Amino acid sequence: MSEIFVIYDGQCQLCKNSITWVSKKLVITPLDFHTAELSRFGLSLEQCSREVFVITDQGQFIGAGGVALLLNRRGNKVLSTLITFSGPIARSGYKWVASHRNSLPVKILSRLLRG
C-alpha cells in the first residue's frame, strides 16, 4: 500500500487526537500544515487552514472525503460509507466541526478520540 500523507492543523486538539486515533490502526505520515512544505503537494496555507488533506497515490481527498478515506483504510467501513453517501450533509458537518472547534460537542468528540 502506498504512503498516506495527512496534512492537518497541528494546533487543533481534535485534529491531533484524530491523528493519534487513526494512527493506532493505520500507518500514515501526518504533517502539520503550519510547518510542512506545502508546495511539495501544490497546496497553500489558506487551503490547509480550512480542511484536512489526505494524499495518496490515488489522489487528494479533502475535508469529509479525506476523513471517509482514512476511516475506510482504518477499518471503519460503515462510518466511511455513511460519510461518503451522505455527500453534502457530511461536507456541511465537517465544515461545522472545523469552524466550532471550541464548542462542547467538538470537545466531547475530541476526548472520545483521545480514549
PDB file of N, CA and C in Angstrom:
ATOM      1  N   MET A   1       0.840  -1.175   0.000  1.00  0.00           N
ATOM      2  CA  MET A   1       0.000   0.000   0.000  1.00  0.00           C
ATOM      3  C   MET A   1       0.887   1.241   0.000  1.00  0.00           C
ATOM      4  N   SER A   2       0.427   2.256  -0.682  1.00  0.00           N
ATOM      5  CA  SER A   2       1.233   3.468  -0.813  1.00  0.00           C
ATOM      6  C   SER A   2       1.184   4.313   0.453  1.00  0.00           C
ATOM      7  N   GLU A   3       2.109   5.248   0.526  1.00  0.00           N
ATOM      8  CA  GLU A   3       2.169   6.150   1.668  1.00  0.00           C
ATOM      9  C   GLU A   3       0.934   7.055   1.688  1.00  0.00           C
ATOM     10  N   ILE A   4       0.437   7.315   2.888  1.00  0.00           N
ATOM     11  CA  ILE A   4      -0.716   8.191   3.078  1.00  0.00           C
ATOM     12  C   ILE A   4      -0.240   9.416   3.853  1.00  0.00           C
ATOM     13  N   PHE A   5      -0.288  10.572   3.203  1.00  0.00           N
ATOM     14  CA  PHE A   5       0.058  11.824   3.862  1.00  0.00           C
ATOM     15  C   PHE A   5      -1.233  12.468   4.353  1.00  0.00           C
ATOM     16  N   VAL A   6      -1.224  12.931   5.596  1.00  0.00           N
ATOM     17  CA  VAL A   6      -2.376  13.640   6.143  1.00  0.00           C
ATOM     18  C   VAL A   6      -1.886  15.020   6.569  1.00  0.00           C
ATOM     19  N   ILE A   7      -2.347  16.036   5.861  1.00  0.00           N
ATOM     20  CA  ILE A   7      -1.976  17.409   6.178  1.00  0.00           C
ATOM     21  C   ILE A   7      -3.106  17.988   7.018  1.00  0.00           C
ATOM     22  N   TYR A   8      -2.789  18.314   8.261  1.00  0.00           N
ATOM     23  CA  TYR A   8      -3.808  18.683   9.244  1.00  0.00           C
ATOM     24  C   TYR A   8      -3.340  19.882  10.065  1.00  0.00           C
ATOM     25  N   ASP A   9      -4.224  20.373  10.927  1.00  0.00           N
ATOM     26  CA  ASP A   9      -3.912  21.508  11.791  1.00  0.00           C
ATOM     27  C   ASP A   9      -3.318  20.995  13.094  1.00  0.00           C
ATOM     28  N   GLY A  10      -2.021  21.089  13.221  1.00  0.00           N
ATOM     29  CA  GLY A  10      -1.328  20.596  14.407  1.00  0.00           C
ATOM     30  C   GLY A  10      -1.562  21.428  15.655  1.00  0.00           C
ATOM     31  N   GLN A  11      -2.295  22.533  15.537  1.00  0.00           N
ATOM     32  CA  GLN A  11      -2.625  23.354  16.699  1.00  0.00           C
ATOM     33  C   GLN A  11      -4.040  23.078  17.208  1.00  0.00           C
ATOM     34  N   CYS A  12      -4.760  22.221  16.530  1.00  0.00           N
ATOM     35  CA  CYS A  12      -6.142  21.871  16.882  1.00  0.00           C
ATOM     36  C   CYS A  12      -6.140  20.569  17.686  1.00  0.00           C
ATOM     37  N   GLN A  13      -6.703  20.604  18.884  1.00  0.00           N
ATOM     38  CA  GLN A  13      -6.704  19.409  19.739  1.00  0.00           C
ATOM     39  C   GLN A  13      -7.481  18.262  19.112  1.00  0.00           C
ATOM     40  N   LEU A  14      -8.650  18.548  18.528  1.00  0.00           N
ATOM     41  CA  LEU A  14      -9.425  17.493  17.866  1.00  0.00           C
ATOM     42  C   LEU A  14      -8.605  16.877  16.736  1.00  0.00           C
ATOM     43  N   CYS A  15      -7.943  17.717  15.967  1.00  0.00           N
ATOM     44  CA  CYS A  15      -7.126  17.214  14.854  1.00  0.00           C
ATOM     45  C   CYS A  15      -6.002  16.314  15.358  1.00  0.00           C
ATOM     46  N   LYS A  16      -5.306  16.754  16.394  1.00  0.00           N
ATOM     47  CA  LYS A  16      -4.204  15.953  16.954  1.00  0.00           C
ATOM     48  C   LYS A  16      -4.725  14.632  17.509  1.00  0.00           C
ATOM     49  N   ASN A  17      -5.845  14.672  18.225  1.00  0.00           N
ATOM     50  CA  ASN A  17      -6.410  13.435  18.773  1.00  0.00           C
ATOM     51  C   ASN A  17      -6.876  12.513  17.656  1.00  0.00           C
ATOM     52  N   SER A  18      -7.407  13.079  16.598  1.00  0.00           N
ATOM     53  CA  SER A  18      -7.846  12.273  15.454  1.00  0.00           C
ATOM     54  C   SER A  18      -6.664  11.576  14.787  1.00  0.00           C
ATOM     55  N   ILE A  19      -5.563  12.288  14.624  1.00  0.00           N
ATOM     56  CA  ILE A  19      -4.358  11.706  14.026  1.00  0.00           C
ATOM     57  C   ILE A  19      -3.857  10.546  14.885  1.00  0.00           C
ATOM     58  N   THR A  20      -3.835  10.742  16.197  1.00  0.00           N
ATOM     59  CA  THR A  20      -3.393   9.681  17.109  1.00  0.00           C
ATOM     60  C   THR A  20      -4.313   8.471  17.003  1.00  0.00           C
ATOM     61  N   TRP A  21      -5.623   8.717  16.975  1.00  0.00           N
ATOM     62  CA  TRP A  21      -6.611   7.636  16.898  1.00  0.00           C
ATOM     63  C   TRP A  21      -6.465   6.861  15.590  1.00  0.00           C
ATOM     64  N   VAL A  22      -6.352   7.566  14.468  1.00  0.00           N
ATOM     65  CA  VAL A  22      -6.199   6.904  13.164  1.00  0.00           C
ATOM     66  C   VAL A  22      -4.905   6.102  13.136  1.00  0.00           C
ATOM     67  N   SER A  23      -3.847   6.658  13.703  1.00  0.00           N
ATOM     68  CA  SER A  23      -2.518   6.029  13.669  1.00  0.00           C
ATOM     69  C   SER A  23      -2.451   4.722  14.454  1.00  0.00           C
ATOM     70  N   LYS A  24      -3.410   4.480  15.326  1.00  0.00           N
ATOM     71  CA  LYS A  24      -3.411   3.227  16.088  1.00  0.00           C
ATOM     72  C   LYS A  24      -3.659   2.015  15.200  1.00  0.00           C
ATOM     73  N   LYS A  25      -4.313   2.216  14.045  1.00  0.00           N
ATOM     74  CA  LYS A  25      -4.622   1.090  13.165  1.00  0.00           C
ATOM     75  C   LYS A  25      -4.207   1.302  11.711  1.00  0.00           C
ATOM     76  N   LEU A  26      -3.628   2.461  11.411  1.00  0.00           N
ATOM     77  CA  LEU A  26      -3.275   2.774  10.036  1.00  0.00           C
ATOM     78  C   LEU A  26      -1.960   3.541  10.017  1.00  0.00           C
ATOM     79  N   VAL A  27      -1.067   3.132   9.149  1.00  0.00           N
ATOM     80  CA  VAL A  27       0.209   3.832   9.016  1.00  0.00           C
ATOM     81  C   VAL A  27      -0.011   5.053   8.125  1.00  0.00           C
ATOM     82  N   ILE A  28       0.215   6.231   8.703  1.00  0.00           N
ATOM     83  CA  ILE A  28       0.080   7.480   7.965  1.00  0.00           C
ATOM     84  C   ILE A  28       1.308   8.348   8.230  1.00  0.00           C
ATOM     85  N   THR A  29       1.489   9.333   7.370  1.00  0.00           N
ATOM     86  CA  THR A  29       2.521  10.341   7.580  1.00  0.00           C
ATOM     87  C   THR A  29       1.792  11.650   7.852  1.00  0.00           C
ATOM     88  N   PRO A  30       1.619  11.998   9.136  1.00  0.00           N
ATOM     89  CA  PRO A  30       0.920  13.244   9.455  1.00  0.00           C
ATOM     90  C   PRO A  30       1.850  14.436   9.312  1.00  0.00           C
ATOM     91  N   LEU A  31       1.336  15.504   8.711  1.00  0.00           N
ATOM     92  CA  LEU A  31       2.114  16.721   8.509  1.00  0.00           C
ATOM     93  C   LEU A  31       1.290  17.912   8.990  1.00  0.00           C
ATOM     94  N   ASP A  32       1.801  18.609  10.002  1.00  0.00           N
ATOM     95  CA  ASP A  32       1.157  19.817  10.489  1.00  0.00           C
ATOM     96  C   ASP A  32       1.317  20.888   9.420  1.00  0.00           C
ATOM     97  N   PHE A  33       0.213  21.436   8.932  1.00  0.00           N
ATOM     98  CA  PHE A  33       0.312  22.387   7.828  1.00  0.00           C
ATOM     99  C   PHE A  33       1.069  23.657   8.202  1.00  0.00           C
ATOM    100  N   HIS A  34       1.209  23.930   9.499  1.00  0.00           N
ATOM    101  CA  HIS A  34       1.934  25.116   9.937  1.00  0.00           C
ATOM    102  C   HIS A  34       3.438  25.000   9.666  1.00  0.00           C
ATOM    103  N   THR A  35       3.939  23.774   9.606  1.00  0.00           N
ATOM    104  CA  THR A  35       5.380  23.565   9.445  1.00  0.00           C
ATOM    105  C   THR A  35       5.737  22.725   8.209  1.00  0.00           C
ATOM    106  N   ALA A  36       4.746  22.149   7.558  1.00  0.00           N
ATOM    107  CA  ALA A  36       5.009  21.276   6.404  1.00  0.00           C
ATOM    108  C   ALA A  36       5.388  22.093   5.172  1.00  0.00           C
ATOM    109  N   GLU A  37       6.114  21.454   4.286  1.00  0.00           N
ATOM    110  CA  GLU A  37       6.461  22.059   2.997  1.00  0.00           C
ATOM    111  C   GLU A  37       5.287  21.826   2.043  1.00  0.00           C
ATOM    112  N   LEU A  38       4.311  22.718   2.091  1.00  0.00           N
ATOM    113  CA  LEU A  38       3.058  22.549   1.359  1.00  0.00           C
ATOM    114  C   LEU A  38       3.243  22.598  -0.153  1.00  0.00           C
ATOM    115  N   SER A  39       4.237  23.324  -0.612  1.00  0.00           N
ATOM    116  CA  SER A  39       4.463  23.432  -2.056  1.00  0.00           C
ATOM    117  C   SER A  39       4.750  22.064  -2.671  1.00  0.00           C
ATOM    118  N   ARG A  40       5.285  21.171  -1.885  1.00  0.00           N
ATOM    119  CA  ARG A  40       5.547  19.794  -2.341  1.00  0.00           C
ATOM    120  C   ARG A  40       4.263  19.127  -2.836  1.00  0.00           C
ATOM    121  N   PHE A  41       3.130  19.554  -2.267  1.00  0.00           N
ATOM    122  CA  PHE A  41       1.836  18.971  -2.607  1.00  0.00           C
ATOM    123  C   PHE A  41       0.971  19.934  -3.426  1.00  0.00           C
ATOM    124  N   GLY A  42       1.533  21.090  -3.776  1.00  0.00           N
ATOM    125  CA  GLY A  42       0.781  22.077  -4.539  1.00  0.00           C
ATOM    126  C   GLY A  42      -0.328  22.735  -3.734  1.00  0.00           C
ATOM    127  N   LEU A  43      -0.120  22.850  -2.422  1.00  0.00           N
ATOM    128  CA  LEU A  43      -1.140  23.411  -1.538  1.00  0.00           C
ATOM    129  C   LEU A  43      -0.677  24.716  -0.921  1.00  0.00           C
ATOM    130  N   SER A  44      -1.645  25.501  -0.468  1.00  0.00           N
ATOM    131  CA  SER A  44      -1.338  26.767   0.188  1.00  0.00           C
ATOM    132  C   SER A  44      -1.752  26.712   1.655  1.00  0.00           C
ATOM    133  N   LEU A  45      -1.218  27.641   2.443  1.00  0.00           N
ATOM    134  CA  LEU A  45      -1.612  27.763   3.849  1.00  0.00           C
ATOM    135  C   LEU A  45      -3.112  28.000   3.962  1.00  0.00           C
ATOM    136  N   GLU A  46      -3.646  28.843   3.095  1.00  0.00           N
ATOM    137  CA  GLU A  46      -5.073  29.155   3.132  1.00  0.00           C
ATOM    138  C   GLU A  46      -5.917  27.895   2.931  1.00  0.00           C
ATOM    139  N   GLN A  47      -5.574  27.085   1.949  1.00  0.00           N
ATOM    140  CA  GLN A  47      -6.323  25.845   1.707  1.00  0.00           C
ATOM    141  C   GLN A  47      -6.271  24.937   2.927  1.00  0.00           C
ATOM    142  N   CYS A  48      -5.086  24.750   3.460  1.00  0.00           N
ATOM    143  CA  CYS A  48      -4.897  23.803   4.565  1.00  0.00           C
ATOM    144  C   CYS A  48      -5.462  24.319   5.881  1.00  0.00           C
ATOM    145  N   SER A  49      -5.674  25.621   5.987  1.00  0.00           N
ATOM    146  CA  SER A  49      -6.259  26.161   7.213  1.00  0.00           C
ATOM    147  C   SER A  49      -7.759  25.883   7.279  1.00  0.00           C
ATOM    148  N   ARG A  50      -8.351  25.511   6.161  1.00  0.00           N
ATOM    149  CA  ARG A  50      -9.795  25.264   6.102  1.00  0.00           C
ATOM    150  C   ARG A  50     -10.171  23.788   6.238  1.00  0.00           C
ATOM    151  N   GLU A  51      -9.323  22.897   5.710  1.00  0.00           N
ATOM    152  CA  GLU A  51      -9.697  21.484   5.644  1.00  0.00           C
ATOM    153  C   GLU A  51      -8.471  20.589   5.723  1.00  0.00           C
ATOM    154  N   VAL A  52      -8.709  19.356   6.124  1.00  0.00           N
ATOM    155  CA  VAL A  52      -7.660  18.343   6.112  1.00  0.00           C
ATOM    156  C   VAL A  52      -7.460  17.888   4.665  1.00  0.00           C
ATOM    157  N   PHE A  53      -6.230  17.550   4.331  1.00  0.00           N
ATOM    158  CA  PHE A  53      -5.915  16.986   3.020  1.00  0.00           C
ATOM    159  C   PHE A  53      -5.286  15.626   3.240  1.00  0.00           C
ATOM    160  N   VAL A  54      -5.826  14.614   2.580  1.00  0.00           N
ATOM    161  CA  VAL A  54      -5.274  13.270   2.621  1.00  0.00           C
ATOM    162  C   VAL A  54      -4.781  12.973   1.213  1.00  0.00           C
ATOM    163  N   ILE A  55      -3.498  12.658   1.108  1.00  0.00           N
ATOM    164  CA  ILE A  55      -2.886  12.483  -0.206  1.00  0.00           C
ATOM    165  C   ILE A  55      -2.313  11.075  -0.312  1.00  0.00           C
ATOM    166  N   THR A  56      -2.755  10.369  -1.337  1.00  0.00           N
ATOM    167  CA  THR A  56      -2.266   9.019  -1.614  1.00  0.00           C
ATOM    168  C   THR A  56      -1.854   8.974  -3.088  1.00  0.00           C
ATOM    169  N   ASP A  57      -1.403   7.821  -3.527  1.00  0.00           N
ATOM    170  CA  ASP A  57      -1.075   7.692  -4.944  1.00  0.00           C
ATOM    171  C   ASP A  57      -2.337   7.725  -5.805  1.00  0.00           C
ATOM    172  N   GLN A  58      -3.508   7.642  -5.178  1.00  0.00           N
ATOM    173  CA  GLN A  58      -4.781   7.697  -5.911  1.00  0.00           C
ATOM    174  C   GLN A  58      -5.327   9.115  -6.019  1.00  0.00           C
ATOM    175  N   GLY A  59      -4.694  10.077  -5.350  1.00  0.00           N
ATOM    176  CA  GLY A  59      -5.131  11.461  -5.462  1.00  0.00           C
ATOM    177  C   GLY A  59      -5.238  12.171  -4.134  1.00  0.00           C
ATOM    178  N   GLN A  60      -5.841  13.366  -4.184  1.00  0.00           N
ATOM    179  CA  GLN A  60      -6.068  14.180  -2.992  1.00  0.00           C
ATOM    180  C   GLN A  60      -7.519  14.031  -2.551  1.00  0.00           C
ATOM    181  N   PHE A  61      -7.701  13.856  -1.261  1.00  0.00           N
ATOM    182  CA  PHE A  61      -9.029  13.748  -0.670  1.00  0.00           C
ATOM    183  C   PHE A  61      -9.123  14.841   0.379  1.00  0.00           C
ATOM    184  N   ILE A  62     -10.156  15.656   0.286  1.00  0.00           N
ATOM    185  CA  ILE A  62     -10.227  16.883   1.076  1.00  0.00           C
ATOM    186  C   ILE A  62     -11.414  16.839   2.032  1.00  0.00           C
ATOM    187  N   GLY A  63     -11.217  17.360   3.243  1.00  0.00           N
ATOM    188  CA  GLY A  63     -12.302  17.503   4.205  1.00  0.00           C
ATOM    189  C   GLY A  63     -12.971  16.181   4.526  1.00  0.00           C
ATOM    190  N   ALA A  64     -14.300  16.153   4.389  1.00  0.00           N
ATOM    191  CA  ALA A  64     -15.073  14.946   4.705  1.00  0.00           C
ATOM    192  C   ALA A  64     -14.635  13.756   3.849  1.00  0.00           C
ATOM    193  N   GLY A  65     -14.246  14.019   2.607  1.00  0.00           N
ATOM    194  CA  GLY A  65     -13.761  12.939   1.741  1.00  0.00           C
ATOM    195  C   GLY A  65     -12.473  12.328   2.269  1.00  0.00           C
ATOM    196  N   GLY A  66     -11.603  13.168   2.820  1.00  0.00           N
ATOM    197  CA  GLY A  66     -10.368  12.678   3.430  1.00  0.00           C
ATOM    198  C   GLY A  66     -10.642  11.870   4.680  1.00  0.00           C
ATOM    199  N   VAL A  67     -11.589  12.350   5.480  1.00  0.00           N
ATOM    200  CA  VAL A  67     -11.982  11.623   6.696  1.00  0.00           C
ATOM    201  C   VAL A  67     -12.541  10.257   6.316  1.00  0.00           C
ATOM    202  N   ALA A  68     -13.416  10.224   5.315  1.00  0.00           N
ATOM    203  CA  ALA A  68     -14.005   8.954   4.872  1.00  0.00           C
ATOM    204  C   ALA A  68     -12.932   7.974   4.399  1.00  0.00           C
ATOM    205  N   LEU A  69     -11.947   8.468   3.644  1.00  0.00           N
ATOM    206  CA  LEU A  69     -10.871   7.598   3.171  1.00  0.00           C
ATOM    207  C   LEU A  69     -10.082   7.021   4.344  1.00  0.00           C
ATOM    208  N   LEU A  70      -9.735   7.879   5.305  1.00  0.00           N
ATOM    209  CA  LEU A  70      -8.974   7.397   6.467  1.00  0.00           C
ATOM    210  C   LEU A  70      -9.773   6.369   7.263  1.00  0.00           C
ATOM    211  N   LEU A  71     -11.055   6.632   7.462  1.00  0.00           N
ATOM    212  CA  LEU A  71     -11.896   5.671   8.186  1.00  0.00           C
ATOM    213  C   LEU A  71     -11.958   4.341   7.451  1.00  0.00           C
ATOM    214  N   ASN A  72     -12.122   4.389   6.145  1.00  0.00           N
ATOM    215  CA  ASN A  72     -12.180   3.165   5.350  1.00  0.00           C
ATOM    216  C   ASN A  72     -10.893   2.370   5.476  1.00  0.00           C
ATOM    217  N   ARG A  73      -9.771   3.036   5.285  1.00  0.00           N
ATOM    218  CA  ARG A  73      -8.479   2.347   5.357  1.00  0.00           C
ATOM    219  C   ARG A  73      -8.183   1.848   6.771  1.00  0.00           C
ATOM    220  N   ARG A  74      -8.744   2.531   7.762  1.00  0.00           N
ATOM    221  CA  ARG A  74      -8.541   2.143   9.163  1.00  0.00           C
ATOM    222  C   ARG A  74      -9.403   0.930   9.536  1.00  0.00           C
ATOM    223  N   GLY A  75     -10.413   0.642   8.724  1.00  0.00           N
ATOM    224  CA  GLY A  75     -11.293  -0.486   9.003  1.00  0.00           C
ATOM    225  C   GLY A  75     -12.680  -0.094   9.476  1.00  0.00           C
ATOM    226  N   ASN A  76     -12.971   1.184   9.544  1.00  0.00           N
ATOM    227  CA  ASN A  76     -14.280   1.682   9.954  1.00  0.00           C
ATOM    228  C   ASN A  76     -15.132   1.912   8.703  1.00  0.00           C
ATOM    229  N   LYS A  77     -15.420   0.814   8.001  1.00  0.00           N
ATOM    230  CA  LYS A  77     -16.054   0.895   6.685  1.00  0.00           C
ATOM    231  C   LYS A  77     -17.494   1.404   6.723  1.00  0.00           C
ATOM    232  N   VAL A  78     -18.259   1.061   7.758  1.00  0.00           N
ATOM    233  CA  VAL A  78     -19.649   1.521   7.833  1.00  0.00           C
ATOM    234  C   VAL A  78     -19.699   3.039   7.975  1.00  0.00           C
ATOM    235  N   LEU A  79     -18.916   3.572   8.895  1.00  0.00           N
ATOM    236  CA  LEU A  79     -18.887   5.024   9.087  1.00  0.00           C
ATOM    237  C   LEU A  79     -18.357   5.726   7.837  1.00  0.00           C
ATOM    238  N   SER A  80     -17.354   5.153   7.210  1.00  0.00           N
ATOM    239  CA  SER A  80     -16.805   5.709   5.977  1.00  0.00           C
ATOM    240  C   SER A  80     -17.879   5.767   4.893  1.00  0.00           C
ATOM    241  N   THR A  81     -18.637   4.701   4.755  1.00  0.00           N
ATOM    242  CA  THR A  81     -19.706   4.641   3.753  1.00  0.00           C
ATOM    243  C   THR A  81     -20.793   5.672   4.045  1.00  0.00           C
ATOM    244  N   LEU A  82     -21.158   5.815   5.309  1.00  0.00           N
ATOM    245  CA  LEU A  82     -22.167   6.810   5.684  1.00  0.00           C
ATOM    246  C   LEU A  82     -21.711   8.213   5.309  1.00  0.00           C
ATOM    247  N   ILE A  83     -20.462   8.528   5.600  1.00  0.00           N
ATOM    248  CA  ILE A  83     -19.933   9.852   5.257  1.00  0.00           C
ATOM    249  C   ILE A  83     -19.908  10.040   3.745  1.00  0.00           C
ATOM    250  N   THR A  84     -19.459   9.035   3.035  1.00  0.00           N
ATOM    251  CA  THR A  84     -19.354   9.126   1.577  1.00  0.00           C
ATOM    252  C   THR A  84     -20.723   9.329   0.933  1.00  0.00           C
ATOM    253  N   PHE A  85     -21.698   8.525   1.339  1.00  0.00           N
ATOM    254  CA  PHE A  85     -23.005   8.598   0.689  1.00  0.00           C
ATOM    255  C   PHE A  85     -23.879   9.736   1.187  1.00  0.00           C
ATOM    256  N   SER A  86     -23.536  10.343   2.298  1.00  0.00           N
ATOM    257  CA  SER A  86     -24.335  11.480   2.761  1.00  0.00           C
ATOM    258  C   SER A  86     -23.932  12.770   2.057  1.00  0.00           C
ATOM    259  N   GLY A  87     -22.831  12.732   1.309  1.00  0.00           N
ATOM    260  CA  GLY A  87     -22.418  13.832   0.446  1.00  0.00           C
ATOM    261  C   GLY A  87     -22.459  15.208   1.086  1.00  0.00           C
ATOM    262  N   PRO A  88     -23.412  16.062   0.662  1.00  0.00           N
ATOM    263  CA  PRO A  88     -23.466  17.442   1.151  1.00  0.00           C
ATOM    264  C   PRO A  88     -23.672  17.533   2.666  1.00  0.00           C
ATOM    265  N   ILE A  89     -24.358  16.580   3.230  1.00  0.00           N
ATOM    266  CA  ILE A  89     -24.576  16.587   4.689  1.00  0.00           C
ATOM    267  C   ILE A  89     -23.242  16.387   5.399  1.00  0.00           C
ATOM    268  N   ALA A  90     -22.437  15.443   4.930  1.00  0.00           N
ATOM    269  CA  ALA A  90     -21.126  15.193   5.534  1.00  0.00           C
ATOM    270  C   ALA A  90     -20.219  16.400   5.358  1.00  0.00           C
ATOM    271  N   ARG A  91     -20.237  17.012   4.192  1.00  0.00           N
ATOM    272  CA  ARG A  91     -19.395  18.192   3.957  1.00  0.00           C
ATOM    273  C   ARG A  91     -19.810  19.347   4.867  1.00  0.00           C
ATOM    274  N   SER A  92     -21.107  19.535   5.036  1.00  0.00           N
ATOM    275  CA  SER A  92     -21.599  20.588   5.938  1.00  0.00           C
ATOM    276  C   SER A  92     -21.224  20.278   7.382  1.00  0.00           C
ATOM    277  N   GLY A  93     -21.362  19.019   7.768  1.00  0.00           N
ATOM    278  CA  GLY A  93     -20.978  18.614   9.127  1.00  0.00           C
ATOM    279  C   GLY A  93     -19.501  18.829   9.375  1.00  0.00           C
ATOM    280  N   TYR A  94     -18.683  18.488   8.400  1.00  0.00           N
ATOM    281  CA  TYR A  94     -17.240  18.695   8.531  1.00  0.00           C
ATOM    282  C   TYR A  94     -16.945  20.175   8.717  1.00  0.00           C
ATOM    283  N   LYS A  95     -17.545  21.009   7.891  1.00  0.00           N
ATOM    284  CA  LYS A  95     -17.296  22.453   7.975  1.00  0.00           C
ATOM    285  C   LYS A  95     -17.782  23.018   9.310  1.00  0.00           C
ATOM    286  N   TRP A  96     -18.907  22.496   9.821  1.00  0.00           N
ATOM    287  CA  TRP A  96     -19.397  22.962  11.113  1.00  0.00           C
ATOM    288  C   TRP A  96     -18.387  22.621  12.204  1.00  0.00           C
ATOM    289  N   VAL A  97     -17.918  21.392  12.235  1.00  0.00           N
ATOM    290  CA  VAL A  97     -16.935  20.977  13.240  1.00  0.00           C
ATOM    291  C   VAL A  97     -15.672  21.835  13.121  1.00  0.00           C
ATOM    292  N   ALA A  98     -15.192  22.033  11.903  1.00  0.00           N
ATOM    293  CA  ALA A  98     -13.966  22.817  11.691  1.00  0.00           C
ATOM    294  C   ALA A  98     -14.109  24.256  12.172  1.00  0.00           C
ATOM    295  N   SER A  99     -15.305  24.808  12.079  1.00  0.00           N
ATOM    296  CA  SER A  99     -15.494  26.205  12.487  1.00  0.00           C
ATOM    297  C   SER A  99     -16.003  26.348  13.925  1.00  0.00           C
ATOM    298  N   HIS A 100     -16.216  25.229  14.614  1.00  0.00           N
ATOM    299  CA  HIS A 100     -16.701  25.252  16.002  1.00  0.00           C
ATOM    300  C   HIS A 100     -15.824  24.374  16.900  1.00  0.00           C
ATOM    301  N   ARG A 101     -14.532  24.478  16.725  1.00  0.00           N
ATOM    302  CA  ARG A 101     -13.593  23.614  17.439  1.00  0.00           C
ATOM    303  C   ARG A 101     -13.659  23.759  18.951  1.00  0.00           C
ATOM    304  N   ASN A 102     -14.133  24.896  19.442  1.00  0.00           N
ATOM    305  CA  ASN A 102     -14.196  25.118  20.888  1.00  0.00           C
ATOM    306  C   ASN A 102     -15.580  24.869  21.464  1.00  0.00           C
ATOM    307  N   SER A 103     -16.479  24.303  20.660  1.00  0.00           N
ATOM    308  CA  SER A 103     -17.829  24.013  21.147  1.00  0.00           C
ATOM    309  C   SER A 103     -17.823  22.739  21.995  1.00  0.00           C
ATOM    310  N   LEU A 104     -18.827  22.597  22.821  1.00  0.00           N
ATOM    311  CA  LEU A 104     -18.923  21.419  23.685  1.00  0.00           C
ATOM    312  C   LEU A 104     -18.982  20.111  22.889  1.00  0.00           C
ATOM    313  N   PRO A 105     -19.811  20.003  21.837  1.00  0.00           N
ATOM    314  CA  PRO A 105     -19.836  18.734  21.078  1.00  0.00           C
ATOM    315  C   PRO A 105     -18.477  18.351  20.497  1.00  0.00           C
ATOM    316  N   VAL A 106     -17.736  19.341  20.013  1.00  0.00           N
ATOM    317  CA  VAL A 106     -16.424  19.055  19.420  1.00  0.00           C
ATOM    318  C   VAL A 106     -15.426  18.672  20.514  1.00  0.00           C
ATOM    319  N   LYS A 107     -15.501  19.314  21.647  1.00  0.00           N
ATOM    320  CA  LYS A 107     -14.622  18.950  22.766  1.00  0.00           C
ATOM    321  C   LYS A 107     -14.912  17.533  23.248  1.00  0.00           C
ATOM    322  N   ILE A 108     -16.188  17.153  23.267  1.00  0.00           N
ATOM    323  CA  ILE A 108     -16.549  15.787  23.673  1.00  0.00           C
ATOM    324  C   ILE A 108     -15.993  14.783  22.668  1.00  0.00           C
ATOM    325  N   LEU A 109     -16.180  15.052  21.382  1.00  0.00           N
ATOM    326  CA  LEU A 109     -15.636  14.169  20.336  1.00  0.00           C
ATOM    327  C   LEU A 109     -14.124  14.038  20.476  1.00  0.00           C
ATOM    328  N   SER A 110     -13.459  15.134  20.726  1.00  0.00           N
ATOM    329  CA  SER A 110     -12.009  15.127  20.884  1.00  0.00           C
ATOM    330  C   SER A 110     -11.594  14.224  22.057  1.00  0.00           C
ATOM    331  N   ARG A 111     -12.303  14.334  23.160  1.00  0.00           N
ATOM    332  CA  ARG A 111     -11.997  13.487  24.323  1.00  0.00           C
ATOM    333  C   ARG A 111     -12.241  12.007  24.045  1.00  0.00           C
ATOM    334  N   LEU A 112     -13.320  11.720  23.298  1.00  0.00           N
ATOM    335  CA  LEU A 112     -13.613  10.327  22.947  1.00  0.00           C
ATOM    336  C   LEU A 112     -12.495   9.738  22.092  1.00  0.00           C
ATOM    337  N   LEU A 113     -11.962  10.520  21.170  1.00  0.00           N
ATOM    338  CA  LEU A 113     -10.882  10.046  20.321  1.00  0.00           C
ATOM    339  C   LEU A 113      -9.585   9.848  21.086  1.00  0.00           C
ATOM    340  N   ARG A 114      -9.427  10.639  22.126  1.00  0.00           N
ATOM    341  CA  ARG A 114      -8.220  10.530  22.946  1.00  0.00           C
ATOM    342  C   ARG A 114      -8.207   9.214  23.715  1.00  0.00           C
ATOM    343  N   GLY A 115      -9.394   8.695  23.954  1.00  0.00           N
ATOM    344  CA  GLY A 115      -9.526   7.386  24.593  1.00  0.00           C
ATOM    345  C   GLY A 115      -9.309   7.449  26.037  1.00  0.00           C
TER     346      GLY A 115
END
